[in-house]
Amino acid sequence: MRIRGHIGDWPVDLTLELEPAEWAQLGGQLAAVTPVASSAAAVPVARADDALWQAARDVLRQAGQLNGPELLEHLEGLAGNVAAGKRLLVRLRHSAEVKVESGADAPVYHWIG
């Protein structure tokens, strides 16, 4: 096996030579790792932002309707920063539980559940 590339500014040209028994040993070690990884992946993991998403939905649900800037202000406070608030706003915009209408100055978000 030959590996070529760079590490920073340094060129790398590495050749690995393994005997058939060494390849088999390496393959056996990889096969032993694979079932552990696939079984770990099968366990459902709760998304870290599920509670935040639920709270964002609750803000709009309880209000019934909010214009975009008001909703964004609530979401920024909830999420702790502007970027996370905007991500929640986009997620609400695309949610089947929310209807967005064009308002005079800003979109209006309606909870339709």
N, C-alpha and C. Protein backbone atom coordinates (compact mmCIF):
# COMPACT_ATOMS: atom_id res chain seq x y z
N MET A 1 0.86 -1.15 0.00
CA MET A 1 0.00 0.00 0.00
C MET A 1 0.91 1.23 0.00
N ARG A 2 0.59 2.19 -0.85
CA ARG A 2 1.40 3.41 -0.93
C ARG A 2 0.54 4.61 -0.57
N ILE A 3 1.06 5.45 0.29
CA ILE A 3 0.36 6.64 0.73
C ILE A 3 1.21 7.85 0.35
N ARG A 4 0.60 8.75 -0.41
CA ARG A 4 1.30 9.98 -0.81
C ARG A 4 0.47 11.18 -0.39
N GLY A 5 1.16 12.26 -0.05
CA GLY A 5 0.47 13.47 0.32
C GLY A 5 1.41 14.44 0.99
N HIS A 6 0.85 15.29 1.81
CA HIS A 6 1.64 16.29 2.53
C HIS A 6 1.16 16.37 3.97
N ILE A 7 2.10 16.60 4.85
CA ILE A 7 1.80 16.95 6.22
C ILE A 7 2.37 18.35 6.38
N GLY A 8 1.46 19.32 6.35
CA GLY A 8 1.92 20.71 6.33
C GLY A 8 2.66 20.95 5.03
N ASP A 9 3.89 21.42 5.13
CA ASP A 9 4.71 21.67 3.93
C ASP A 9 5.57 20.46 3.56
N TRP A 10 5.56 19.43 4.37
CA TRP A 10 6.42 18.29 4.14
C TRP A 10 5.75 17.25 3.26
N PRO A 11 6.43 16.84 2.18
CA PRO A 11 5.86 15.79 1.35
C PRO A 11 5.99 14.43 2.04
N VAL A 12 4.98 13.59 1.83
CA VAL A 12 4.98 12.26 2.41
C VAL A 12 4.83 11.24 1.29
N ASP A 13 5.70 10.25 1.29
CA ASP A 13 5.60 9.14 0.35
C ASP A 13 5.93 7.89 1.15
N LEU A 14 4.87 7.18 1.57
CA LEU A 14 5.03 6.06 2.49
C LEU A 14 4.55 4.78 1.82
N THR A 15 5.34 3.75 1.91
CA THR A 15 4.96 2.45 1.38
C THR A 15 4.87 1.45 2.53
N LEU A 16 3.73 0.79 2.63
CA LEU A 16 3.52 -0.25 3.63
C LEU A 16 3.47 -1.59 2.93
N GLU A 17 4.26 -2.50 3.41
CA GLU A 17 4.23 -3.84 2.86
C GLU A 17 3.84 -4.81 3.95
N LEU A 18 2.75 -5.53 3.73
CA LEU A 18 2.26 -6.50 4.71
C LEU A 18 2.19 -7.87 4.06
N GLU A 19 2.52 -8.87 4.82
CA GLU A 19 2.38 -10.25 4.38
C GLU A 19 0.89 -10.61 4.42
N PRO A 20 0.47 -11.64 3.68
CA PRO A 20 -0.94 -12.05 3.70
C PRO A 20 -1.47 -12.31 5.11
N ALA A 21 -0.68 -12.89 5.97
CA ALA A 21 -1.13 -13.15 7.35
C ALA A 21 -1.35 -11.83 8.11
N GLU A 22 -0.52 -10.84 7.83
CA GLU A 22 -0.67 -9.54 8.48
C GLU A 22 -1.95 -8.83 7.99
N TRP A 23 -2.23 -8.94 6.68
CA TRP A 23 -3.47 -8.37 6.14
C TRP A 23 -4.68 -9.04 6.79
N ALA A 24 -4.62 -10.36 6.96
CA ALA A 24 -5.71 -11.09 7.58
C ALA A 24 -5.90 -10.65 9.04
N GLN A 25 -4.79 -10.46 9.73
CA GLN A 25 -4.87 -10.01 11.13
C GLN A 25 -5.48 -8.61 11.19
N LEU A 26 -5.07 -7.73 10.31
CA LEU A 26 -5.62 -6.38 10.27
C LEU A 26 -7.11 -6.42 9.94
N GLY A 27 -7.48 -7.24 8.98
CA GLY A 27 -8.89 -7.39 8.62
C GLY A 27 -9.71 -7.95 9.77
N GLY A 28 -9.16 -8.87 10.52
CA GLY A 28 -9.85 -9.44 11.67
C GLY A 28 -10.09 -8.40 12.76
N GLN A 29 -9.13 -7.52 12.95
CA GLN A 29 -9.30 -6.46 13.94
C GLN A 29 -10.37 -5.48 13.51
N LEU A 30 -10.43 -5.17 12.23
CA LEU A 30 -11.46 -4.26 11.73
C LEU A 30 -12.84 -4.89 11.82
N ALA A 31 -12.94 -6.19 11.54
CA ALA A 31 -14.23 -6.88 11.63
C ALA A 31 -14.72 -6.93 13.07
N ALA A 32 -13.80 -7.04 14.01
CA ALA A 32 -14.19 -7.07 15.43
C ALA A 32 -14.74 -5.72 15.88
N VAL A 33 -14.27 -4.64 15.28
CA VAL A 33 -14.73 -3.30 15.65
C VAL A 33 -16.08 -2.99 15.02
N THR A 34 -16.33 -3.47 13.83
CA THR A 34 -17.54 -3.13 13.08
C THR A 34 -18.83 -3.47 13.81
N PRO A 35 -19.02 -4.69 14.38
CA PRO A 35 -20.29 -4.95 15.07
C PRO A 35 -20.54 -4.02 16.25
N VAL A 36 -19.50 -3.64 16.97
CA VAL A 36 -19.68 -2.74 18.09
C VAL A 36 -20.18 -1.39 17.59
N ALA A 37 -19.58 -0.90 16.52
CA ALA A 37 -19.99 0.40 15.98
C ALA A 37 -21.41 0.35 15.45
N SER A 38 -21.78 -0.73 14.75
CA SER A 38 -23.13 -0.79 14.21
C SER A 38 -24.18 -0.98 15.30
N SER A 39 -23.86 -1.72 16.35
CA SER A 39 -24.83 -1.87 17.43
C SER A 39 -24.99 -0.57 18.20
N ALA A 40 -23.90 0.19 18.34
CA ALA A 40 -23.99 1.49 19.02
C ALA A 40 -24.81 2.46 18.18
N ALA A 41 -24.68 2.37 16.87
CA ALA A 41 -25.44 3.25 15.99
C ALA A 41 -26.92 2.90 16.01
N ALA A 42 -27.25 1.67 16.33
CA ALA A 42 -28.65 1.24 16.33
C ALA A 42 -29.40 1.78 17.55
N VAL A 43 -28.68 2.16 18.59
CA VAL A 43 -29.33 2.70 19.78
C VAL A 43 -29.75 4.13 19.49
N PRO A 44 -31.04 4.43 19.63
CA PRO A 44 -31.46 5.81 19.35
C PRO A 44 -30.85 6.79 20.34
N VAL A 45 -30.33 7.87 19.81
CA VAL A 45 -29.72 8.91 20.63
C VAL A 45 -30.58 10.15 20.51
N ALA A 46 -31.01 10.70 21.63
CA ALA A 46 -31.82 11.91 21.61
C ALA A 46 -30.96 13.07 21.13
N ARG A 47 -31.48 13.85 20.22
CA ARG A 47 -30.76 15.01 19.74
C ARG A 47 -30.66 16.03 20.87
N ALA A 48 -29.51 16.66 20.92
CA ALA A 48 -29.26 17.62 21.98
C ALA A 48 -30.22 18.80 21.91
N ASP A 49 -30.71 19.11 20.70
CA ASP A 49 -31.57 20.28 20.58
C ASP A 49 -33.05 19.93 20.60
N ASP A 50 -33.43 18.70 20.93
CA ASP A 50 -34.85 18.34 20.98
C ASP A 50 -35.62 19.17 22.00
N ALA A 51 -35.05 19.39 23.16
CA ALA A 51 -35.73 20.19 24.19
C ALA A 51 -35.86 21.63 23.74
N LEU A 52 -34.84 22.16 23.08
CA LEU A 52 -34.89 23.51 22.55
C LEU A 52 -35.93 23.64 21.45
N TRP A 53 -36.00 22.64 20.58
CA TRP A 53 -37.00 22.63 19.51
C TRP A 53 -38.41 22.59 20.10
N GLN A 54 -38.61 21.78 21.11
CA GLN A 54 -39.92 21.69 21.76
C GLN A 54 -40.29 23.04 22.38
N ALA A 55 -39.31 23.69 23.01
CA ALA A 55 -39.56 24.99 23.63
C ALA A 55 -39.90 26.04 22.58
N ALA A 56 -39.23 26.00 21.43
CA ALA A 56 -39.51 26.94 20.34
C ALA A 56 -40.94 26.74 19.82
N ARG A 57 -41.33 25.49 19.67
CA ARG A 57 -42.70 25.19 19.23
C ARG A 57 -43.71 25.70 20.25
N ASP A 58 -43.39 25.53 21.54
CA ASP A 58 -44.29 25.98 22.61
C ASP A 58 -44.47 27.49 22.60
N VAL A 59 -43.40 28.24 22.29
CA VAL A 59 -43.50 29.70 22.24
C VAL A 59 -44.55 30.11 21.22
N LEU A 60 -44.48 29.55 20.02
CA LEU A 60 -45.43 29.92 18.97
C LEU A 60 -46.82 29.35 19.27
N ARG A 61 -46.86 28.14 19.79
CA ARG A 61 -48.16 27.52 20.11
C ARG A 61 -48.91 28.36 21.13
N GLN A 62 -48.23 28.79 22.17
CA GLN A 62 -48.88 29.57 23.22
C GLN A 62 -49.29 30.96 22.73
N ALA A 63 -48.50 31.55 21.84
CA ALA A 63 -48.83 32.87 21.32
C ALA A 63 -49.93 32.79 20.26
N GLY A 64 -49.99 31.67 19.56
CA GLY A 64 -50.96 31.53 18.47
C GLY A 64 -50.41 32.08 17.17
N GLN A 65 -49.92 33.30 17.20
CA GLN A 65 -49.26 33.90 16.04
C GLN A 65 -48.31 34.98 16.49
N LEU A 66 -47.21 35.12 15.77
CA LEU A 66 -46.21 36.16 16.04
C LEU A 66 -45.61 36.60 14.71
N ASN A 67 -45.25 37.88 14.63
CA ASN A 67 -44.55 38.28 13.42
C ASN A 67 -43.09 37.85 13.53
N GLY A 68 -42.40 37.79 12.41
CA GLY A 68 -41.04 37.26 12.35
C GLY A 68 -40.07 37.87 13.35
N PRO A 69 -39.97 39.23 13.41
CA PRO A 69 -39.01 39.81 14.35
C PRO A 69 -39.33 39.50 15.82
N GLU A 70 -40.61 39.49 16.19
CA GLU A 70 -40.97 39.16 17.57
C GLU A 70 -40.62 37.71 17.89
N LEU A 71 -40.95 36.82 16.95
CA LEU A 71 -40.65 35.41 17.15
C LEU A 71 -39.14 35.19 17.24
N LEU A 72 -38.39 35.84 16.36
CA LEU A 72 -36.94 35.70 16.39
C LEU A 72 -36.37 36.18 17.72
N GLU A 73 -36.91 37.27 18.24
CA GLU A 73 -36.45 37.78 19.53
C GLU A 73 -36.67 36.75 20.64
N HIS A 74 -37.84 36.12 20.65
CA HIS A 74 -38.12 35.06 21.63
C HIS A 74 -37.16 33.89 21.46
N LEU A 75 -36.94 33.49 20.21
CA LEU A 75 -36.08 32.33 19.94
C LEU A 75 -34.62 32.61 20.28
N GLU A 76 -34.16 33.82 20.03
CA GLU A 76 -32.79 34.18 20.40
C GLU A 76 -32.60 34.09 21.91
N GLY A 77 -33.59 34.59 22.65
CA GLY A 77 -33.51 34.50 24.11
C GLY A 77 -33.52 33.06 24.59
N LEU A 78 -34.32 32.26 23.93
CA LEU A 78 -34.43 30.85 24.29
C LEU A 78 -33.15 30.10 23.98
N ALA A 79 -32.58 30.34 22.78
CA ALA A 79 -31.40 29.60 22.33
C ALA A 79 -30.10 30.16 22.89
N GLY A 80 -30.11 31.43 23.26
CA GLY A 80 -28.91 32.00 23.83
C GLY A 80 -28.04 32.77 22.86
N ASN A 81 -28.33 32.68 21.56
CA ASN A 81 -27.56 33.48 20.59
C ASN A 81 -28.37 33.64 19.30
N VAL A 82 -27.94 34.59 18.48
CA VAL A 82 -28.67 34.94 17.27
C VAL A 82 -28.69 33.78 16.27
N ALA A 83 -27.55 33.14 16.05
CA ALA A 83 -27.46 32.08 15.04
C ALA A 83 -28.39 30.91 15.38
N ALA A 84 -28.40 30.50 16.63
CA ALA A 84 -29.27 29.39 17.03
C ALA A 84 -30.73 29.80 16.94
N GLY A 85 -31.04 31.06 17.26
CA GLY A 85 -32.41 31.55 17.13
C GLY A 85 -32.87 31.53 15.68
N LYS A 86 -31.99 31.93 14.77
CA LYS A 86 -32.33 31.91 13.34
C LYS A 86 -32.55 30.49 12.84
N ARG A 87 -31.74 29.54 13.33
CA ARG A 87 -31.93 28.14 12.92
C ARG A 87 -33.29 27.63 13.37
N LEU A 88 -33.70 28.00 14.58
CA LEU A 88 -35.02 27.60 15.07
C LEU A 88 -36.13 28.25 14.24
N LEU A 89 -35.93 29.50 13.86
CA LEU A 89 -36.92 30.21 13.04
C LEU A 89 -37.09 29.52 11.69
N VAL A 90 -35.99 29.14 11.07
CA VAL A 90 -36.05 28.43 9.78
C VAL A 90 -36.74 27.09 9.96
N ARG A 91 -36.42 26.41 11.04
CA ARG A 91 -37.05 25.11 11.29
C ARG A 91 -38.55 25.26 11.49
N LEU A 92 -38.97 26.31 12.19
CA LEU A 92 -40.40 26.57 12.35
C LEU A 92 -41.05 26.89 11.01
N ARG A 93 -40.36 27.69 10.20
CA ARG A 93 -40.89 28.07 8.89
C ARG A 93 -41.22 26.84 8.05
N HIS A 94 -40.42 25.81 8.17
CA HIS A 94 -40.60 24.60 7.36
C HIS A 94 -41.39 23.51 8.08
N SER A 95 -41.87 23.79 9.26
CA SER A 95 -42.63 22.80 10.01
C SER A 95 -44.06 22.71 9.48
N ALA A 96 -44.59 21.51 9.46
CA ALA A 96 -45.98 21.29 9.02
C ALA A 96 -46.97 21.87 10.03
N GLU A 97 -46.51 22.17 11.24
CA GLU A 97 -47.38 22.71 12.28
C GLU A 97 -47.49 24.23 12.23
N VAL A 98 -46.77 24.85 11.30
CA VAL A 98 -46.71 26.30 11.23
C VAL A 98 -47.09 26.78 9.83
N LYS A 99 -47.89 27.83 9.80
CA LYS A 99 -48.25 28.47 8.54
C LYS A 99 -47.63 29.85 8.56
N VAL A 100 -46.95 30.23 7.48
CA VAL A 100 -46.31 31.54 7.39
C VAL A 100 -47.02 32.35 6.32
N GLU A 101 -47.46 33.54 6.71
CA GLU A 101 -48.12 34.45 5.77
C GLU A 101 -47.28 35.72 5.64
N SER A 102 -47.37 36.35 4.49
CA SER A 102 -46.69 37.63 4.31
C SER A 102 -47.48 38.71 5.01
N GLY A 103 -46.83 39.41 5.92
CA GLY A 103 -47.46 40.54 6.60
C GLY A 103 -47.06 41.82 5.90
N ALA A 104 -47.54 42.95 6.41
CA ALA A 104 -47.23 44.24 5.80
C ALA A 104 -45.72 44.52 5.85
N ASP A 105 -45.10 44.27 7.00
CA ASP A 105 -43.68 44.56 7.16
C ASP A 105 -42.82 43.32 7.35
N ALA A 106 -43.43 42.24 7.81
CA ALA A 106 -42.67 41.04 8.13
C ALA A 106 -43.60 39.83 8.03
N PRO A 107 -43.02 38.64 7.84
CA PRO A 107 -43.86 37.44 7.80
C PRO A 107 -44.53 37.22 9.16
N VAL A 108 -45.72 36.61 9.11
CA VAL A 108 -46.45 36.29 10.34
C VAL A 108 -46.52 34.78 10.45
N TYR A 109 -46.07 34.27 11.59
CA TYR A 109 -46.05 32.83 11.86
C TYR A 109 -47.28 32.46 12.65
N HIS A 110 -48.07 31.49 12.13
CA HIS A 110 -49.29 31.03 12.80
C HIS A 110 -49.10 29.58 13.23
N TRP A 111 -49.48 29.25 14.45
CA TRP A 111 -49.47 27.86 14.91
C TRP A 111 -50.75 27.20 14.42
N ILE A 112 -50.61 26.12 13.66
CA ILE A 112 -51.79 25.39 13.19
C ILE A 112 -51.84 24.00 13.78
N GLY A 113 -50.77 23.62 14.47
CA GLY A 113 -50.72 22.34 15.17
C GLY A 113 -50.82 21.21 14.25
